[in-house]
């Protein structure tokens, strides 16, 4: 069973393919996320492989969260995602912060997360705790928070 460890303002590393996140408590910015005319945030699924890459824009970080939620939905379609409790909690946190009506997934991007693309019954979203709205908001809107993917 994986443990979730949250460390603030420190560099984190690990072996093998890893997705690392360090959270700072200062640096929240207003939303720069695209919205439609109805007031919904537009998000896309992403492809987060094991190549070394930093993701630091609000759009990229939200994409990572909705891509994780895609696998949690077990329905493998957008409608199943919208019913997933983790997605709903993340959406609620984002909407409380931005004033948006909700999050809509747009585009035909194929979601992919290395080492997490085949969930089992115990798979969970470990980047942020969906119930912790402060973590969700800090992950997406904090200019000092970035996601790093890598492989040894």
C-alpha atoms as a PDB file:
ATOM      1  CA  UNK A   1       0.000   0.000   0.000  1.00  0.00           C
ATOM      2  CA  UNK A   2       1.393   3.393  -1.000  1.00  0.00           C
ATOM      3  CA  UNK A   3       1.799   6.102   1.568  1.00  0.00           C
ATOM      4  CA  UNK A   4       1.127   9.713   0.824  1.00  0.00           C
ATOM      5  CA  UNK A   5       3.716  12.046   2.289  1.00  0.00           C
ATOM      6  CA  UNK A   6       3.337  15.788   1.955  1.00  0.00           C
ATOM      7  CA  UNK A   7       6.404  17.918   2.525  1.00  0.00           C
ATOM      8  CA  UNK A   8       6.347  21.672   2.168  1.00  0.00           C
ATOM      9  CA  UNK A   9       9.155  23.712   0.562  1.00  0.00           C
ATOM     10  CA  UNK A  10      11.535  20.783   0.004  1.00  0.00           C
ATOM     11  CA  UNK A  11      12.962  19.015  -3.036  1.00  0.00           C
ATOM     12  CA  UNK A  12      11.712  15.450  -3.482  1.00  0.00           C
ATOM     13  CA  UNK A  13      13.161  12.639  -5.544  1.00  0.00           C
ATOM     14  CA  UNK A  14      12.718   8.906  -5.955  1.00  0.00           C
ATOM     15  CA  UNK A  15      13.919   6.098  -8.207  1.00  0.00           C
ATOM     16  CA  UNK A  16      12.228   4.631 -11.279  1.00  0.00           C
ATOM     17  CA  UNK A  17       9.521   6.601 -13.041  1.00  0.00           C
ATOM     18  CA  UNK A  18       8.325   9.230 -10.628  1.00  0.00           C
ATOM     19  CA  UNK A  19       5.977  12.145 -10.458  1.00  0.00           C
ATOM     20  CA  UNK A  20       7.279  14.555  -7.833  1.00  0.00           C
ATOM     21  CA  UNK A  21       5.501  17.461  -6.255  1.00  0.00           C
ATOM     22  CA  UNK A  22       6.795  20.032  -3.778  1.00  0.00           C
ATOM     23  CA  UNK A  23       4.231  22.439  -2.341  1.00  0.00           C
ATOM     24  CA  UNK A  24       4.901  25.998  -1.160  1.00  0.00           C
ATOM     25  CA  UNK A  25       2.394  27.836   1.012  1.00  0.00           C
ATOM     26  CA  UNK A  26       2.808  31.220  -0.670  1.00  0.00           C
ATOM     27  CA  UNK A  27       2.443  32.171  -4.326  1.00  0.00           C
ATOM     28  CA  UNK A  28      -1.258  31.724  -5.143  1.00  0.00           C
ATOM     29  CA  UNK A  29      -2.208  33.494  -8.360  1.00  0.00           C
ATOM     30  CA  UNK A  30      -5.568  34.320  -9.915  1.00  0.00           C
ATOM     31  CA  UNK A  31      -6.905  31.824 -12.413  1.00  0.00           C
ATOM     32  CA  UNK A  32      -5.531  31.918 -15.950  1.00  0.00           C
ATOM     33  CA  UNK A  33      -7.558  28.862 -16.976  1.00  0.00           C
ATOM     34  CA  UNK A  34      -9.607  29.127 -20.174  1.00  0.00           C
ATOM     35  CA  UNK A  35     -13.368  29.332 -19.723  1.00  0.00           C
ATOM     36  CA  UNK A  36     -16.309  29.147 -22.066  1.00  0.00           C
ATOM     37  CA  UNK A  37     -19.030  31.781 -22.357  1.00  0.00           C
ATOM     38  CA  UNK A  38     -21.183  29.852 -19.863  1.00  0.00           C
ATOM     39  CA  UNK A  39     -18.551  30.144 -17.131  1.00  0.00           C
ATOM     40  CA  UNK A  40     -17.120  26.599 -17.241  1.00  0.00           C
ATOM     41  CA  UNK A  41     -13.376  25.970 -17.091  1.00  0.00           C
ATOM     42  CA  UNK A  42     -12.142  24.095 -20.159  1.00  0.00           C
ATOM     43  CA  UNK A  43      -9.669  21.305 -19.379  1.00  0.00           C
ATOM     44  CA  UNK A  44      -7.984  18.675 -21.514  1.00  0.00           C
ATOM     45  CA  UNK A  45      -6.655  15.229 -20.813  1.00  0.00           C
ATOM     46  CA  UNK A  46      -2.886  15.073 -21.030  1.00  0.00           C
ATOM     47  CA  UNK A  47      -0.102  12.622 -21.720  1.00  0.00           C
ATOM     48  CA  UNK A  48       2.278  12.394 -18.777  1.00  0.00           C
ATOM     49  CA  UNK A  49       4.982   9.904 -19.634  1.00  0.00           C
ATOM     50  CA  UNK A  50       8.216   9.035 -17.939  1.00  0.00           C
ATOM     51  CA  UNK A  51      10.330  11.481 -19.917  1.00  0.00           C
ATOM     52  CA  UNK A  52      11.883  14.245 -17.839  1.00  0.00           C
ATOM     53  CA  UNK A  53       9.544  17.193 -17.958  1.00  0.00           C
ATOM     54  CA  UNK A  54       8.275  19.998 -15.752  1.00  0.00           C
ATOM     55  CA  UNK A  55       4.635  21.004 -15.752  1.00  0.00           C
ATOM     56  CA  UNK A  56       4.115  24.397 -14.194  1.00  0.00           C
ATOM     57  CA  UNK A  57       1.197  26.139 -15.893  1.00  0.00           C
ATOM     58  CA  UNK A  58      -2.279  26.098 -14.400  1.00  0.00           C
ATOM     59  CA  UNK A  59      -3.602  24.340 -17.509  1.00  0.00           C
ATOM     60  CA  UNK A  60      -0.955  21.586 -17.329  1.00  0.00           C
ATOM     61  CA  UNK A  61      -1.481  20.971 -13.620  1.00  0.00           C
ATOM     62  CA  UNK A  62      -5.275  20.830 -13.976  1.00  0.00           C
ATOM     63  CA  UNK A  63      -4.794  18.507 -16.958  1.00  0.00           C
ATOM     64  CA  UNK A  64      -2.740  16.185 -14.761  1.00  0.00           C
ATOM     65  CA  UNK A  65      -5.492  16.060 -12.137  1.00  0.00           C
ATOM     66  CA  UNK A  66      -8.306  15.382 -14.614  1.00  0.00           C
ATOM     67  CA  UNK A  67      -6.157  12.768 -16.344  1.00  0.00           C
ATOM     68  CA  UNK A  68      -5.662  11.027 -12.983  1.00  0.00           C
ATOM     69  CA  UNK A  69      -9.411  11.214 -12.375  1.00  0.00           C
ATOM     70  CA  UNK A  70     -10.067   9.659 -15.783  1.00  0.00           C
ATOM     71  CA  UNK A  71      -8.436   6.463 -14.546  1.00  0.00           C
ATOM     72  CA  UNK A  72     -10.268   6.627 -11.240  1.00  0.00           C
ATOM     73  CA  UNK A  73     -13.639   6.806 -12.998  1.00  0.00           C
ATOM     74  CA  UNK A  74     -13.306   3.234 -14.351  1.00  0.00           C
ATOM     75  CA  UNK A  75     -15.870   4.180 -16.981  1.00  0.00           C
ATOM     76  CA  UNK A  76     -13.345   5.317 -19.520  1.00  0.00           C
ATOM     77  CA  UNK A  77     -15.482   8.152 -20.813  1.00  0.00           C
ATOM     78  CA  UNK A  78     -16.194  11.761 -19.913  1.00  0.00           C
ATOM     79  CA  UNK A  79     -19.586  11.067 -18.397  1.00  0.00           C
ATOM     80  CA  UNK A  80     -18.101   8.525 -15.979  1.00  0.00           C
ATOM     81  CA  UNK A  81     -15.431  11.053 -15.035  1.00  0.00           C
ATOM     82  CA  UNK A  82     -18.017  13.675 -14.107  1.00  0.00           C
ATOM     83  CA  UNK A  83     -19.590  11.194 -11.669  1.00  0.00           C
ATOM     84  CA  UNK A  84     -16.298  10.291  -9.958  1.00  0.00           C
ATOM     85  CA  UNK A  85     -16.157  11.562  -6.358  1.00  0.00           C
ATOM     86  CA  UNK A  86     -12.498  12.632  -6.642  1.00  0.00           C
ATOM     87  CA  UNK A  87     -13.247  14.677  -9.762  1.00  0.00           C
ATOM     88  CA  UNK A  88     -16.256  16.260  -8.045  1.00  0.00           C
ATOM     89  CA  UNK A  89     -14.139  17.229  -5.015  1.00  0.00           C
ATOM     90  CA  UNK A  90     -11.388  18.684  -7.220  1.00  0.00           C
ATOM     91  CA  UNK A  91     -13.982  20.528  -9.309  1.00  0.00           C
ATOM     92  CA  UNK A  92     -15.560  21.953  -6.157  1.00  0.00           C
ATOM     93  CA  UNK A  93     -12.197  23.244  -4.905  1.00  0.00           C
ATOM     94  CA  UNK A  94     -11.330  24.802  -8.280  1.00  0.00           C
ATOM     95  CA  UNK A  95     -14.777  26.401  -8.601  1.00  0.00           C
ATOM     96  CA  UNK A  96     -14.693  27.799  -5.058  1.00  0.00           C
ATOM     97  CA  UNK A  97     -11.379  29.458  -5.883  1.00  0.00           C
ATOM     98  CA  UNK A  98     -12.264  30.728  -9.372  1.00  0.00           C
ATOM     99  CA  UNK A  99     -16.009  31.306  -9.232  1.00  0.00           C
ATOM    100  CA  UNK A 100     -16.473  29.034 -12.265  1.00  0.00           C
ATOM    101  CA  UNK A 101     -19.616  26.919 -12.684  1.00  0.00           C
ATOM    102  CA  UNK A 102     -17.702  23.682 -13.265  1.00  0.00           C
ATOM    103  CA  UNK A 103     -15.037  21.963 -15.343  1.00  0.00           C
ATOM    104  CA  UNK A 104     -15.670  20.654 -18.843  1.00  0.00           C
ATOM    105  CA  UNK A 105     -13.322  18.245 -20.562  1.00  0.00           C
ATOM    106  CA  UNK A 106     -12.732  19.295 -24.180  1.00  0.00           C
ATOM    107  CA  UNK A 107     -10.751  17.907 -27.067  1.00  0.00           C
ATOM    108  CA  UNK A 108     -10.009  14.399 -28.196  1.00  0.00           C
ATOM    109  CA  UNK A 109      -6.689  13.998 -26.406  1.00  0.00           C
ATOM    110  CA  UNK A 110      -5.870  10.439 -25.325  1.00  0.00           C
ATOM    111  CA  UNK A 111      -5.184  10.429 -21.558  1.00  0.00           C
ATOM    112  CA  UNK A 112      -1.988   8.709 -20.429  1.00  0.00           C
ATOM    113  CA  UNK A 113      -0.022   8.565 -17.195  1.00  0.00           C
ATOM    114  CA  UNK A 114       3.021   6.300 -17.112  1.00  0.00           C
ATOM    115  CA  UNK A 115       2.846   3.535 -14.468  1.00  0.00           C
ATOM    116  CA  UNK A 116      -0.698   4.500 -13.548  1.00  0.00           C
ATOM    117  CA  UNK A 117      -2.537   3.762 -16.754  1.00  0.00           C
ATOM    118  CA  UNK A 118      -3.728   0.327 -15.587  1.00  0.00           C
ATOM    119  CA  UNK A 119      -5.474   0.888 -12.262  1.00  0.00           C
ATOM    120  CA  UNK A 120      -6.283  -1.909  -9.862  1.00  0.00           C
ATOM    121  CA  UNK A 121      -8.828  -1.859  -7.073  1.00  0.00           C
ATOM    122  CA  UNK A 122      -6.399  -0.077  -4.730  1.00  0.00           C
ATOM    123  CA  UNK A 123      -5.364   2.715  -7.112  1.00  0.00           C
ATOM    124  CA  UNK A 124      -5.806   6.208  -5.740  1.00  0.00           C
ATOM    125  CA  UNK A 125      -4.937   9.791  -6.631  1.00  0.00           C
ATOM    126  CA  UNK A 126      -1.834  10.479  -4.560  1.00  0.00           C
ATOM    127  CA  UNK A 127      -0.659  13.811  -5.975  1.00  0.00           C
ATOM    128  CA  UNK A 128      -3.272  15.660  -3.948  1.00  0.00           C
ATOM    129  CA  UNK A 129      -5.964  14.556  -1.561  1.00  0.00           C
ATOM    130  CA  UNK A 130      -9.203  15.365  -3.372  1.00  0.00           C
ATOM    131  CA  UNK A 131     -10.890  16.078  -0.046  1.00  0.00           C
ATOM    132  CA  UNK A 132      -8.282  18.721   0.827  1.00  0.00           C
ATOM    133  CA  UNK A 133      -9.355  21.767  -1.145  1.00  0.00           C
ATOM    134  CA  UNK A 134      -6.288  23.732  -0.010  1.00  0.00           C
ATOM    135  CA  UNK A 135      -3.992  21.116  -1.595  1.00  0.00           C
ATOM    136  CA  UNK A 136      -5.948  21.157  -4.846  1.00  0.00           C
ATOM    137  CA  UNK A 137      -5.922  24.956  -5.068  1.00  0.00           C
ATOM    138  CA  UNK A 138      -2.237  25.173  -4.171  1.00  0.00           C
ATOM    139  CA  UNK A 139      -1.317  22.518  -6.740  1.00  0.00           C
ATOM    140  CA  UNK A 140      -3.106  24.274  -9.597  1.00  0.00           C
ATOM    141  CA  UNK A 141      -2.797  27.980  -8.751  1.00  0.00           C
ATOM    142  CA  UNK A 142       0.466  28.313  -6.823  1.00  0.00           C
ATOM    143  CA  UNK A 143       3.216  29.699  -9.064  1.00  0.00           C
ATOM    144  CA  UNK A 144       5.841  27.960  -6.919  1.00  0.00           C
ATOM    145  CA  UNK A 145       4.298  24.509  -7.387  1.00  0.00           C
ATOM    146  CA  UNK A 146       5.299  22.398 -10.347  1.00  0.00           C
ATOM    147  CA  UNK A 147       5.033  18.756 -11.292  1.00  0.00           C
ATOM    148  CA  UNK A 148       8.141  16.929 -12.469  1.00  0.00           C
ATOM    149  CA  UNK A 149       8.078  13.600 -14.280  1.00  0.00           C
ATOM    150  CA  UNK A 150      11.265  11.640 -14.698  1.00  0.00           C
ATOM    151  CA  UNK A 151      12.731   8.180 -15.124  1.00  0.00           C
ATOM    152  CA  UNK A 152      16.092   6.724 -14.154  1.00  0.00           C
END
